[in-house]
Each structure stands twice: as structure tokens, then as C-alpha cells.
Amino acid sequence: MIRNIHIIIMLISGIIVSIIGLINGYDLKTFSLTLLIVLIIFFFIGSILQNILNKIYMQAEKKEKQKQLIEMDEEINRIKALDSDDEDEEDSDALREETEEEQY
């Protein structure tokens, strides 16, 4: 899960606006208003981006869990098949022994 990406995007955009404002020599009122608007806009853009990335991450994680469950089911079925083969061999061995005893 991705956290705080909206804050990182907001702060980076704030740094860029601050540098541009200082280079261009904006007065304090214009600079403050511009910075506030940019921070709010990029906070929401970052929040939307964070939600999208989290959904993608959760879908990928869900697919990975489903893949692991399928692999575990296949392994369980393989083990059951081996166990049933072993039981069949034991049953056939017991039958052979009984028939051998009956023949003598």
C-alpha cells in the first residue's frame, strides 16, 4: 500500500512554485495566494493518484494470493493422489498375501 504520495507531490509542487515566485520577485500577497492554490490543487491530484495506485496494488496483491491458493490446491491434490496410490498399493499387497496364504 502506498502512503503519503499526495503529501510528497504537494510539497514538490510547493517548492517549484516558491522558487519561481522568488526568481520572478512576486510580492508577498500574490506569492502566498499562488502557493496556497497550488498546494491545494496538487494535494487533491496526489490524493487521486494515491487512490489509483493503491487500487492497482491491491489488485496485483489479490491476483498473487489467488495464484498462491491455486498452487496450494494443486499441491494438496497431488499429495492426496500420492496417498491414495500408497493405500491402493497396501491394499493390493494385502490381497496378494491373502491369496498366497490361501494357495498354500
PDB file of N, CA and C in Angstrom:
ATOM      1  N   MET A   1       0.840  -1.173   0.000  1.00  0.00           N
ATOM      2  CA  MET A   1       0.000   0.000   0.000  1.00  0.00           C
ATOM      3  C   MET A   1       0.890   1.244   0.000  1.00  0.00           C
ATOM      4  N   ILE A   2       0.513   2.181  -0.809  1.00  0.00           N
ATOM      5  CA  ILE A   2       1.314   3.394  -0.948  1.00  0.00           C
ATOM      6  C   ILE A   2       0.740   4.469  -0.042  1.00  0.00           C
ATOM      7  N   ARG A   3       1.608   5.077   0.732  1.00  0.00           N
ATOM      8  CA  ARG A   3       1.175   6.120   1.663  1.00  0.00           C
ATOM      9  C   ARG A   3       1.909   7.420   1.378  1.00  0.00           C
ATOM     10  N   ASN A   4       1.265   8.514   1.704  1.00  0.00           N
ATOM     11  CA  ASN A   4       1.847   9.859   1.712  1.00  0.00           C
ATOM     12  C   ASN A   4       2.352  10.351   0.361  1.00  0.00           C
ATOM     13  N   ILE A   5       1.952   9.718  -0.724  1.00  0.00           N
ATOM     14  CA  ILE A   5       2.398  10.221  -2.023  1.00  0.00           C
ATOM     15  C   ILE A   5       1.746  11.573  -2.312  1.00  0.00           C
ATOM     16  N   HIS A   6       0.532  11.783  -1.817  1.00  0.00           N
ATOM     17  CA  HIS A   6      -0.142  13.062  -2.044  1.00  0.00           C
ATOM     18  C   HIS A   6       0.606  14.206  -1.353  1.00  0.00           C
ATOM     19  N   ILE A   7       1.179  13.927  -0.212  1.00  0.00           N
ATOM     20  CA  ILE A   7       1.951  14.951   0.505  1.00  0.00           C
ATOM     21  C   ILE A   7       3.256  15.256  -0.234  1.00  0.00           C
ATOM     22  N   ILE A   8       3.901  14.219  -0.734  1.00  0.00           N
ATOM     23  CA  ILE A   8       5.161  14.410  -1.462  1.00  0.00           C
ATOM     24  C   ILE A   8       4.928  15.239  -2.726  1.00  0.00           C
ATOM     25  N   ILE A   9       3.869  14.916  -3.475  1.00  0.00           N
ATOM     26  CA  ILE A   9       3.559  15.676  -4.695  1.00  0.00           C
ATOM     27  C   ILE A   9       3.252  17.129  -4.351  1.00  0.00           C
ATOM     28  N   MET A  10       2.484  17.329  -3.291  1.00  0.00           N
ATOM     29  CA  MET A  10       2.129  18.686  -2.874  1.00  0.00           C
ATOM     30  C   MET A  10       3.382  19.489  -2.495  1.00  0.00           C
ATOM     31  N   LEU A  11       4.274  18.877  -1.744  1.00  0.00           N
ATOM     32  CA  LEU A  11       5.475  19.598  -1.316  1.00  0.00           C
ATOM     33  C   LEU A  11       6.411  19.904  -2.484  1.00  0.00           C
ATOM     34  N   ILE A  12       6.544  18.965  -3.404  1.00  0.00           N
ATOM     35  CA  ILE A  12       7.399  19.226  -4.574  1.00  0.00           C
ATOM     36  C   ILE A  12       6.839  20.388  -5.400  1.00  0.00           C
ATOM     37  N   SER A  13       5.517  20.382  -5.596  1.00  0.00           N
ATOM     38  CA  SER A  13       4.919  21.495  -6.350  1.00  0.00           C
ATOM     39  C   SER A  13       5.082  22.811  -5.583  1.00  0.00           C
ATOM     40  N   GLY A  14       4.999  22.766  -4.270  1.00  0.00           N
ATOM     41  CA  GLY A  14       5.212  23.971  -3.460  1.00  0.00           C
ATOM     42  C   GLY A  14       6.625  24.506  -3.583  1.00  0.00           C
ATOM     43  N   ILE A  15       7.590  23.609  -3.616  1.00  0.00           N
ATOM     44  CA  ILE A  15       8.987  24.027  -3.779  1.00  0.00           C
ATOM     45  C   ILE A  15       9.183  24.691  -5.138  1.00  0.00           C
ATOM     46  N   ILE A  16       8.606  24.089  -6.168  1.00  0.00           N
ATOM     47  CA  ILE A  16       8.754  24.651  -7.516  1.00  0.00           C
ATOM     48  C   ILE A  16       8.122  26.040  -7.601  1.00  0.00           C
ATOM     49  N   VAL A  17       6.906  26.179  -7.035  1.00  0.00           N
ATOM     50  CA  VAL A  17       6.234  27.482  -7.053  1.00  0.00           C
ATOM     51  C   VAL A  17       7.031  28.503  -6.236  1.00  0.00           C
ATOM     52  N   SER A  18       7.594  28.082  -5.138  1.00  0.00           N
ATOM     53  CA  SER A  18       8.386  29.002  -4.310  1.00  0.00           C
ATOM     54  C   SER A  18       9.613  29.512  -5.061  1.00  0.00           C
ATOM     55  N   ILE A  19      10.289  28.610  -5.736  1.00  0.00           N
ATOM     56  CA  ILE A  19      11.475  29.015  -6.499  1.00  0.00           C
ATOM     57  C   ILE A  19      11.093  29.980  -7.617  1.00  0.00           C
ATOM     58  N   ILE A  20      10.009  29.640  -8.336  1.00  0.00           N
ATOM     59  CA  ILE A  20       9.559  30.521  -9.426  1.00  0.00           C
ATOM     60  C   ILE A  20       9.138  31.882  -8.877  1.00  0.00           C
ATOM     61  N   GLY A  21       8.434  31.876  -7.736  1.00  0.00           N
ATOM     62  CA  GLY A  21       7.998  33.138  -7.129  1.00  0.00           C
ATOM     63  C   GLY A  21       9.163  33.999  -6.676  1.00  0.00           C
ATOM     64  N   LEU A  22      10.200  33.382  -6.128  1.00  0.00           N
ATOM     65  CA  LEU A  22      11.378  34.142  -5.696  1.00  0.00           C
ATOM     66  C   LEU A  22      12.160  34.685  -6.885  1.00  0.00           C
ATOM     67  N   ILE A  23      12.280  33.874  -7.928  1.00  0.00           N
ATOM     68  CA  ILE A  23      13.014  34.323  -9.116  1.00  0.00           C
ATOM     69  C   ILE A  23      12.297  35.501  -9.771  1.00  0.00           C
ATOM     70  N   ASN A  24      10.977  35.431  -9.874  1.00  0.00           N
ATOM     71  CA  ASN A  24      10.204  36.484 -10.542  1.00  0.00           C
ATOM     72  C   ASN A  24       9.901  37.670  -9.630  1.00  0.00           C
ATOM     73  N   GLY A  25      10.192  37.545  -8.359  1.00  0.00           N
ATOM     74  CA  GLY A  25      10.029  38.660  -7.437  1.00  0.00           C
ATOM     75  C   GLY A  25       8.572  39.010  -7.137  1.00  0.00           C
ATOM     76  N   TYR A  26       7.723  37.990  -6.968  1.00  0.00           N
ATOM     77  CA  TYR A  26       6.321  38.244  -6.618  1.00  0.00           C
ATOM     78  C   TYR A  26       6.237  38.919  -5.258  1.00  0.00           C
ATOM     79  N   ASP A  27       5.223  39.766  -5.089  1.00  0.00           N
ATOM     80  CA  ASP A  27       5.021  40.350  -3.761  1.00  0.00           C
ATOM     81  C   ASP A  27       4.414  39.282  -2.848  1.00  0.00           C
ATOM     82  N   LEU A  28       4.421  39.521  -1.566  1.00  0.00           N
ATOM     83  CA  LEU A  28       4.055  38.513  -0.576  1.00  0.00           C
ATOM     84  C   LEU A  28       2.617  38.028  -0.737  1.00  0.00           C
ATOM     85  N   LYS A  29       1.698  38.951  -1.012  1.00  0.00           N
ATOM     86  CA  LYS A  29       0.292  38.577  -1.144  1.00  0.00           C
ATOM     87  C   LYS A  29       0.072  37.668  -2.358  1.00  0.00           C
ATOM     88  N   THR A  30       0.623  38.022  -3.497  1.00  0.00           N
ATOM     89  CA  THR A  30       0.494  37.219  -4.710  1.00  0.00           C
ATOM     90  C   THR A  30       1.175  35.867  -4.533  1.00  0.00           C
ATOM     91  N   PHE A  31       2.365  35.893  -3.965  1.00  0.00           N
ATOM     92  CA  PHE A  31       3.126  34.664  -3.733  1.00  0.00           C
ATOM     93  C   PHE A  31       2.364  33.726  -2.805  1.00  0.00           C
ATOM     94  N   SER A  32       1.829  34.238  -1.710  1.00  0.00           N
ATOM     95  CA  SER A  32       1.117  33.411  -0.726  1.00  0.00           C
ATOM     96  C   SER A  32      -0.144  32.822  -1.333  1.00  0.00           C
ATOM     97  N   LEU A  33      -0.902  33.620  -2.056  1.00  0.00           N
ATOM     98  CA  LEU A  33      -2.132  33.141  -2.677  1.00  0.00           C
ATOM     99  C   LEU A  33      -1.832  32.077  -3.729  1.00  0.00           C
ATOM    100  N   THR A  34      -0.836  32.319  -4.551  1.00  0.00           N
ATOM    101  CA  THR A  34      -0.449  31.348  -5.582  1.00  0.00           C
ATOM    102  C   THR A  34       0.011  30.044  -4.941  1.00  0.00           C
ATOM    103  N   LEU A  35       0.832  30.148  -3.923  1.00  0.00           N
ATOM    104  CA  LEU A  35       1.339  28.962  -3.236  1.00  0.00           C
ATOM    105  C   LEU A  35       0.198  28.172  -2.602  1.00  0.00           C
ATOM    106  N   LEU A  36      -0.729  28.839  -1.959  1.00  0.00           N
ATOM    107  CA  LEU A  36      -1.860  28.169  -1.328  1.00  0.00           C
ATOM    108  C   LEU A  36      -2.709  27.430  -2.356  1.00  0.00           C
ATOM    109  N   ILE A  37      -3.013  28.079  -3.469  1.00  0.00           N
ATOM    110  CA  ILE A  37      -3.827  27.448  -4.508  1.00  0.00           C
ATOM    111  C   ILE A  37      -3.114  26.231  -5.094  1.00  0.00           C
ATOM    112  N   VAL A  38      -1.818  26.362  -5.364  1.00  0.00           N
ATOM    113  CA  VAL A  38      -1.045  25.249  -5.925  1.00  0.00           C
ATOM    114  C   VAL A  38      -0.986  24.082  -4.943  1.00  0.00           C
ATOM    115  N   LEU A  39      -0.777  24.376  -3.670  1.00  0.00           N
ATOM    116  CA  LEU A  39      -0.705  23.299  -2.676  1.00  0.00           C
ATOM    117  C   LEU A  39      -2.032  22.542  -2.585  1.00  0.00           C
ATOM    118  N   ILE A  40      -3.138  23.262  -2.597  1.00  0.00           N
ATOM    119  CA  ILE A  40      -4.443  22.617  -2.516  1.00  0.00           C
ATOM    120  C   ILE A  40      -4.709  21.762  -3.758  1.00  0.00           C
ATOM    121  N   ILE A  41      -4.439  22.322  -4.924  1.00  0.00           N
ATOM    122  CA  ILE A  41      -4.677  21.587  -6.174  1.00  0.00           C
ATOM    123  C   ILE A  41      -3.842  20.313  -6.227  1.00  0.00           C
ATOM    124  N   PHE A  42      -2.549  20.441  -5.920  1.00  0.00           N
ATOM    125  CA  PHE A  42      -1.686  19.271  -6.004  1.00  0.00           C
ATOM    126  C   PHE A  42      -1.915  18.280  -4.872  1.00  0.00           C
ATOM    127  N   PHE A  43      -2.470  18.730  -3.764  1.00  0.00           N
ATOM    128  CA  PHE A  43      -2.857  17.799  -2.711  1.00  0.00           C
ATOM    129  C   PHE A  43      -3.969  16.887  -3.224  1.00  0.00           C
ATOM    130  N   PHE A  44      -4.969  17.468  -3.894  1.00  0.00           N
ATOM    131  CA  PHE A  44      -6.058  16.660  -4.424  1.00  0.00           C
ATOM    132  C   PHE A  44      -5.606  15.778  -5.583  1.00  0.00           C
ATOM    133  N   ILE A  45      -4.759  16.306  -6.431  1.00  0.00           N
ATOM    134  CA  ILE A  45      -4.218  15.486  -7.523  1.00  0.00           C
ATOM    135  C   ILE A  45      -3.424  14.311  -6.957  1.00  0.00           C
ATOM    136  N   GLY A  46      -2.616  14.564  -5.950  1.00  0.00           N
ATOM    137  CA  GLY A  46      -1.848  13.499  -5.310  1.00  0.00           C
ATOM    138  C   GLY A  46      -2.733  12.477  -4.623  1.00  0.00           C
ATOM    139  N   SER A  47      -3.828  12.944  -4.016  1.00  0.00           N
ATOM    140  CA  SER A  47      -4.765  12.013  -3.364  1.00  0.00           C
ATOM    141  C   SER A  47      -5.413  11.089  -4.384  1.00  0.00           C
ATOM    142  N   ILE A  48      -5.812  11.640  -5.510  1.00  0.00           N
ATOM    143  CA  ILE A  48      -6.410  10.822  -6.577  1.00  0.00           C
ATOM    144  C   ILE A  48      -5.394   9.817  -7.102  1.00  0.00           C
ATOM    145  N   LEU A  49      -4.180  10.280  -7.336  1.00  0.00           N
ATOM    146  CA  LEU A  49      -3.120   9.395  -7.811  1.00  0.00           C
ATOM    147  C   LEU A  49      -2.831   8.291  -6.794  1.00  0.00           C
ATOM    148  N   GLN A  50      -2.807   8.642  -5.529  1.00  0.00           N
ATOM    149  CA  GLN A  50      -2.555   7.654  -4.482  1.00  0.00           C
ATOM    150  C   GLN A  50      -3.661   6.600  -4.457  1.00  0.00           C
ATOM    151  N   ASN A  51      -4.915   7.006  -4.596  1.00  0.00           N
ATOM    152  CA  ASN A  51      -6.022   6.045  -4.622  1.00  0.00           C
ATOM    153  C   ASN A  51      -5.924   5.110  -5.816  1.00  0.00           C
ATOM    154  N   ILE A  52      -5.579   5.650  -6.973  1.00  0.00           N
ATOM    155  CA  ILE A  52      -5.437   4.823  -8.174  1.00  0.00           C
ATOM    156  C   ILE A  52      -4.313   3.814  -7.987  1.00  0.00           C
ATOM    157  N   LEU A  53      -3.175   4.262  -7.490  1.00  0.00           N
ATOM    158  CA  LEU A  53      -2.043   3.354  -7.279  1.00  0.00           C
ATOM    159  C   LEU A  53      -2.358   2.298  -6.237  1.00  0.00           C
ATOM    160  N   ASN A  54      -3.088   2.665  -5.189  1.00  0.00           N
ATOM    161  CA  ASN A  54      -3.457   1.686  -4.171  1.00  0.00           C
ATOM    162  C   ASN A  54      -4.403   0.626  -4.730  1.00  0.00           C
ATOM    163  N   LYS A  55      -5.332   1.026  -5.601  1.00  0.00           N
ATOM    164  CA  LYS A  55      -6.230   0.053  -6.223  1.00  0.00           C
ATOM    165  C   LYS A  55      -5.455  -0.917  -7.100  1.00  0.00           C
ATOM    166  N   ILE A  56      -4.516  -0.392  -7.867  1.00  0.00           N
ATOM    167  CA  ILE A  56      -3.690  -1.245  -8.726  1.00  0.00           C
ATOM    168  C   ILE A  56      -2.878  -2.205  -7.871  1.00  0.00           C
ATOM    169  N   TYR A  57      -2.316  -1.697  -6.790  1.00  0.00           N
ATOM    170  CA  TYR A  57      -1.519  -2.526  -5.883  1.00  0.00           C
ATOM    171  C   TYR A  57      -2.372  -3.623  -5.254  1.00  0.00           C
ATOM    172  N   MET A  58      -3.585  -3.287  -4.834  1.00  0.00           N
ATOM    173  CA  MET A  58      -4.465  -4.275  -4.205  1.00  0.00           C
ATOM    174  C   MET A  58      -4.889  -5.347  -5.212  1.00  0.00           C
ATOM    175  N   GLN A  59      -5.135  -4.952  -6.468  1.00  0.00           N
ATOM    176  CA  GLN A  59      -5.494  -5.932  -7.488  1.00  0.00           C
ATOM    177  C   GLN A  59      -4.342  -6.887  -7.758  1.00  0.00           C
ATOM    178  N   ALA A  60      -3.136  -6.351  -7.831  1.00  0.00           N
ATOM    179  CA  ALA A  60      -1.965  -7.199  -8.058  1.00  0.00           C
ATOM    180  C   ALA A  60      -1.759  -8.141  -6.879  1.00  0.00           C
ATOM    181  N   GLU A  61      -1.955  -7.634  -5.675  1.00  0.00           N
ATOM    182  CA  GLU A  61      -1.803  -8.463  -4.477  1.00  0.00           C
ATOM    183  C   GLU A  61      -2.865  -9.558  -4.444  1.00  0.00           C
ATOM    184  N   LYS A  62      -4.087  -9.229  -4.845  1.00  0.00           N
ATOM    185  CA  LYS A  62      -5.174 -10.204  -4.875  1.00  0.00           C
ATOM    186  C   LYS A  62      -4.877 -11.308  -5.888  1.00  0.00           C
ATOM    187  N   LYS A  63      -4.366 -10.928  -7.060  1.00  0.00           N
ATOM    188  CA  LYS A  63      -4.017 -11.925  -8.074  1.00  0.00           C
ATOM    189  C   LYS A  63      -2.906 -12.839  -7.571  1.00  0.00           C
ATOM    190  N   GLU A  64      -1.939 -12.272  -6.865  1.00  0.00           N
ATOM    191  CA  GLU A  64      -0.842 -13.070  -6.328  1.00  0.00           C
ATOM    192  C   GLU A  64      -1.352 -14.060  -5.288  1.00  0.00           C
ATOM    193  N   LYS A  65      -2.279 -13.629  -4.435  1.00  0.00           N
ATOM    194  CA  LYS A  65      -2.850 -14.532  -3.438  1.00  0.00           C
ATOM    195  C   LYS A  65      -3.654 -15.638  -4.097  1.00  0.00           C
ATOM    196  N   GLN A  66      -4.414 -15.302  -5.142  1.00  0.00           N
ATOM    197  CA  GLN A  66      -5.170 -16.317  -5.857  1.00  0.00           C
ATOM    198  C   GLN A  66      -4.237 -17.332  -6.509  1.00  0.00           C
ATOM    199  N   LYS A  67      -3.133 -16.854  -7.059  1.00  0.00           N
ATOM    200  CA  LYS A  67      -2.152 -17.742  -7.675  1.00  0.00           C
ATOM    201  C   LYS A  67      -1.559 -18.685  -6.629  1.00  0.00           C
ATOM    202  N   GLN A  68      -1.258 -18.149  -5.451  1.00  0.00           N
ATOM    203  CA  GLN A  68      -0.715 -18.986  -4.375  1.00  0.00           C
ATOM    204  C   GLN A  68      -1.736 -20.019  -3.914  1.00  0.00           C
ATOM    205  N   LEU A  69      -3.008 -19.627  -3.831  1.00  0.00           N
ATOM    206  CA  LEU A  69      -4.049 -20.573  -3.436  1.00  0.00           C
ATOM    207  C   LEU A  69      -4.197 -21.697  -4.454  1.00  0.00           C
ATOM    208  N   ILE A  70      -4.129 -21.350  -5.725  1.00  0.00           N
ATOM    209  CA  ILE A  70      -4.220 -22.371  -6.771  1.00  0.00           C
ATOM    210  C   ILE A  70      -3.043 -23.334  -6.669  1.00  0.00           C
ATOM    211  N   GLU A  71      -1.854 -22.801  -6.453  1.00  0.00           N
ATOM    212  CA  GLU A  71      -0.672 -23.654  -6.309  1.00  0.00           C
ATOM    213  C   GLU A  71      -0.798 -24.559  -5.091  1.00  0.00           C
ATOM    214  N   MET A  72      -1.329 -24.017  -3.985  1.00  0.00           N
ATOM    215  CA  MET A  72      -1.501 -24.829  -2.780  1.00  0.00           C
ATOM    216  C   MET A  72      -2.549 -25.915  -3.001  1.00  0.00           C
ATOM    217  N   ASP A  73      -3.635 -25.593  -3.719  1.00  0.00           N
ATOM    218  CA  ASP A  73      -4.648 -26.604  -4.030  1.00  0.00           C
ATOM    219  C   ASP A  73      -4.072 -27.716  -4.891  1.00  0.00           C
ATOM    220  N   GLU A  74      -3.268 -27.342  -5.872  1.00  0.00           N
ATOM    221  CA  GLU A  74      -2.637 -28.343  -6.726  1.00  0.00           C
ATOM    222  C   GLU A  74      -1.707 -29.234  -5.921  1.00  0.00           C
ATOM    223  N   GLU A  75      -0.978 -28.642  -5.000  1.00  0.00           N
ATOM    224  CA  GLU A  75      -0.067 -29.420  -4.156  1.00  0.00           C
ATOM    225  C   GLU A  75      -0.844 -30.372  -3.250  1.00  0.00           C
ATOM    226  N   ILE A  76      -1.951 -29.897  -2.689  1.00  0.00           N
ATOM    227  CA  ILE A  76      -2.791 -30.754  -1.839  1.00  0.00           C
ATOM    228  C   ILE A  76      -3.360 -31.903  -2.649  1.00  0.00           C
ATOM    229  N   ASN A  77      -3.852 -31.627  -3.855  1.00  0.00           N
ATOM    230  CA  ASN A  77      -4.391 -32.680  -4.701  1.00  0.00           C
ATOM    231  C   ASN A  77      -3.315 -33.689  -5.091  1.00  0.00           C
ATOM    232  N   ARG A  78      -2.109 -33.206  -5.333  1.00  0.00           N
ATOM    233  CA  ARG A  78      -1.003 -34.107  -5.672  1.00  0.00           C
ATOM    234  C   ARG A  78      -0.677 -35.011  -4.494  1.00  0.00           C
ATOM    235  N   ILE A  79      -0.655 -34.435  -3.300  1.00  0.00           N
ATOM    236  CA  ILE A  79      -0.364 -35.227  -2.094  1.00  0.00           C
ATOM    237  C   ILE A  79      -1.465 -36.246  -1.849  1.00  0.00           C
ATOM    238  N   LYS A  80      -2.729 -35.843  -2.024  1.00  0.00           N
ATOM    239  CA  LYS A  80      -3.838 -36.781  -1.860  1.00  0.00           C
ATOM    240  C   LYS A  80      -3.740 -37.921  -2.861  1.00  0.00           C
ATOM    241  N   ALA A  81      -3.363 -37.591  -4.091  1.00  0.00           N
ATOM    242  CA  ALA A  81      -3.222 -38.624  -5.117  1.00  0.00           C
ATOM    243  C   ALA A  81      -2.116 -39.599  -4.735  1.00  0.00           C
ATOM    244  N   LEU A  82      -1.021 -39.093  -4.205  1.00  0.00           N
ATOM    245  CA  LEU A  82       0.069 -39.968  -3.769  1.00  0.00           C
ATOM    246  C   LEU A  82      -0.371 -40.841  -2.601  1.00  0.00           C
ATOM    247  N   ASP A  83      -1.116 -40.272  -1.664  1.00  0.00           N
ATOM    248  CA  ASP A  83      -1.600 -41.034  -0.516  1.00  0.00           C
ATOM    249  C   ASP A  83      -2.560 -42.134  -0.959  1.00  0.00           C
ATOM    250  N   SER A  84      -3.438 -41.808  -1.896  1.00  0.00           N
ATOM    251  CA  SER A  84      -4.386 -42.820  -2.364  1.00  0.00           C
ATOM    252  C   SER A  84      -3.649 -43.914  -3.139  1.00  0.00           C
ATOM    253  N   ASP A  85      -2.588 -43.576  -3.861  1.00  0.00           N
ATOM    254  CA  ASP A  85      -1.790 -44.581  -4.550  1.00  0.00           C
ATOM    255  C   ASP A  85      -1.106 -45.494  -3.549  1.00  0.00           C
ATOM    256  N   ASP A  86      -0.594 -44.923  -2.458  1.00  0.00           N
ATOM    257  CA  ASP A  86       0.047 -45.717  -1.425  1.00  0.00           C
ATOM    258  C   ASP A  86      -0.945 -46.660  -0.767  1.00  0.00           C
ATOM    259  N   GLU A  87      -2.155 -46.197  -0.513  1.00  0.00           N
ATOM    260  CA  GLU A  87      -3.185 -47.037   0.090  1.00  0.00           C
ATOM    261  C   GLU A  87      -3.577 -48.155  -0.865  1.00  0.00           C
ATOM    262  N   ASP A  88      -3.678 -47.846  -2.157  1.00  0.00           N
ATOM    263  CA  ASP A  88      -4.008 -48.866  -3.148  1.00  0.00           C
ATOM    264  C   ASP A  88      -2.923 -49.929  -3.198  1.00  0.00           C
ATOM    265  N   GLU A  89      -1.658 -49.526  -3.112  1.00  0.00           N
ATOM    266  CA  GLU A  89      -0.553 -50.468  -3.117  1.00  0.00           C
ATOM    267  C   GLU A  89      -0.597 -51.344  -1.875  1.00  0.00           C
ATOM    268  N   GLU A  90      -0.912 -50.744  -0.725  1.00  0.00           N
ATOM    269  CA  GLU A  90      -1.005 -51.528   0.506  1.00  0.00           C
ATOM    270  C   GLU A  90      -2.150 -52.522   0.423  1.00  0.00           C
ATOM    271  N   ASP A  91      -3.286 -52.088  -0.146  1.00  0.00           N
ATOM    272  CA  ASP A  91      -4.425 -52.977  -0.303  1.00  0.00           C
ATOM    273  C   ASP A  91      -4.090 -54.127  -1.245  1.00  0.00           C
ATOM    274  N   SER A  92      -3.413 -53.823  -2.347  1.00  0.00           N
ATOM    275  CA  SER A  92      -3.057 -54.873  -3.303  1.00  0.00           C
ATOM    276  C   SER A  92      -2.020 -55.816  -2.701  1.00  0.00           C
ATOM    277  N   ASP A  93      -1.098 -55.302  -1.876  1.00  0.00           N
ATOM    278  CA  ASP A  93      -0.130 -56.158  -1.194  1.00  0.00           C
ATOM    279  C   ASP A  93      -0.838 -57.085  -0.215  1.00  0.00           C
ATOM    280  N   ALA A  94      -1.816 -56.559   0.493  1.00  0.00           N
ATOM    281  CA  ALA A  94      -2.564 -57.379   1.452  1.00  0.00           C
ATOM    282  C   ALA A  94      -3.345 -58.464   0.723  1.00  0.00           C
ATOM    283  N   LEU A  95      -3.929 -58.132  -0.429  1.00  0.00           N
ATOM    284  CA  LEU A  95      -4.657 -59.130  -1.205  1.00  0.00           C
ATOM    285  C   LEU A  95      -3.724 -60.217  -1.714  1.00  0.00           C
ATOM    286  N   ARG A  96      -2.539 -59.819  -2.165  1.00  0.00           N
ATOM    287  CA  ARG A  96      -1.554 -60.801  -2.638  1.00  0.00           C
ATOM    288  C   ARG A  96      -1.174 -61.755  -1.521  1.00  0.00           C
ATOM    289  N   GLU A  97      -0.954 -61.221  -0.337  1.00  0.00           N
ATOM    290  CA  GLU A  97      -0.577 -62.061   0.795  1.00  0.00           C
ATOM    291  C   GLU A  97      -1.695 -63.025   1.150  1.00  0.00           C
ATOM    292  N   GLU A  98      -2.949 -62.551   1.101  1.00  0.00           N
ATOM    293  CA  GLU A  98      -4.087 -63.416   1.422  1.00  0.00           C
ATOM    294  C   GLU A  98      -4.221 -64.530   0.383  1.00  0.00           C
ATOM    295  N   THR A  99      -4.054 -64.179  -0.888  1.00  0.00           N
ATOM    296  CA  THR A  99      -4.180 -65.203  -1.925  1.00  0.00           C
ATOM    297  C   THR A  99      -3.031 -66.200  -1.851  1.00  0.00           C
ATOM    298  N   GLU A 100      -1.854 -65.744  -1.481  1.00  0.00           N
ATOM    299  CA  GLU A 100      -0.729 -66.640  -1.340  1.00  0.00           C
ATOM    300  C   GLU A 100      -0.966 -67.602  -0.176  1.00  0.00           C
ATOM    301  N   GLU A 101      -1.528 -67.103   0.903  1.00  0.00           N
ATOM    302  CA  GLU A 101      -1.814 -67.950   2.071  1.00  0.00           C
ATOM    303  C   GLU A 101      -2.894 -68.962   1.724  1.00  0.00           C
ATOM    304  N   GLU A 102      -3.899 -68.566   0.949  1.00  0.00           N
ATOM    305  CA  GLU A 102      -4.958 -69.471   0.574  1.00  0.00           C
ATOM    306  C   GLU A 102      -4.465 -70.557  -0.356  1.00  0.00           C
ATOM    307  N   GLN A 103      -3.485 -70.233  -1.188  1.00  0.00           N
ATOM    308  CA  GLN A 103      -2.962 -71.220  -2.121  1.00  0.00           C
ATOM    309  C   GLN A 103      -2.196 -72.303  -1.373  1.00  0.00           C
ATOM    310  N   TYR A 104      -1.585 -72.002  -0.257  1.00  0.00           N
ATOM    311  CA  TYR A 104      -0.804 -72.990   0.479  1.00  0.00           C
ATOM    312  C   TYR A 104      -1.664 -73.670   1.431  1.00  0.00           C
TER     313      TYR A 104
END
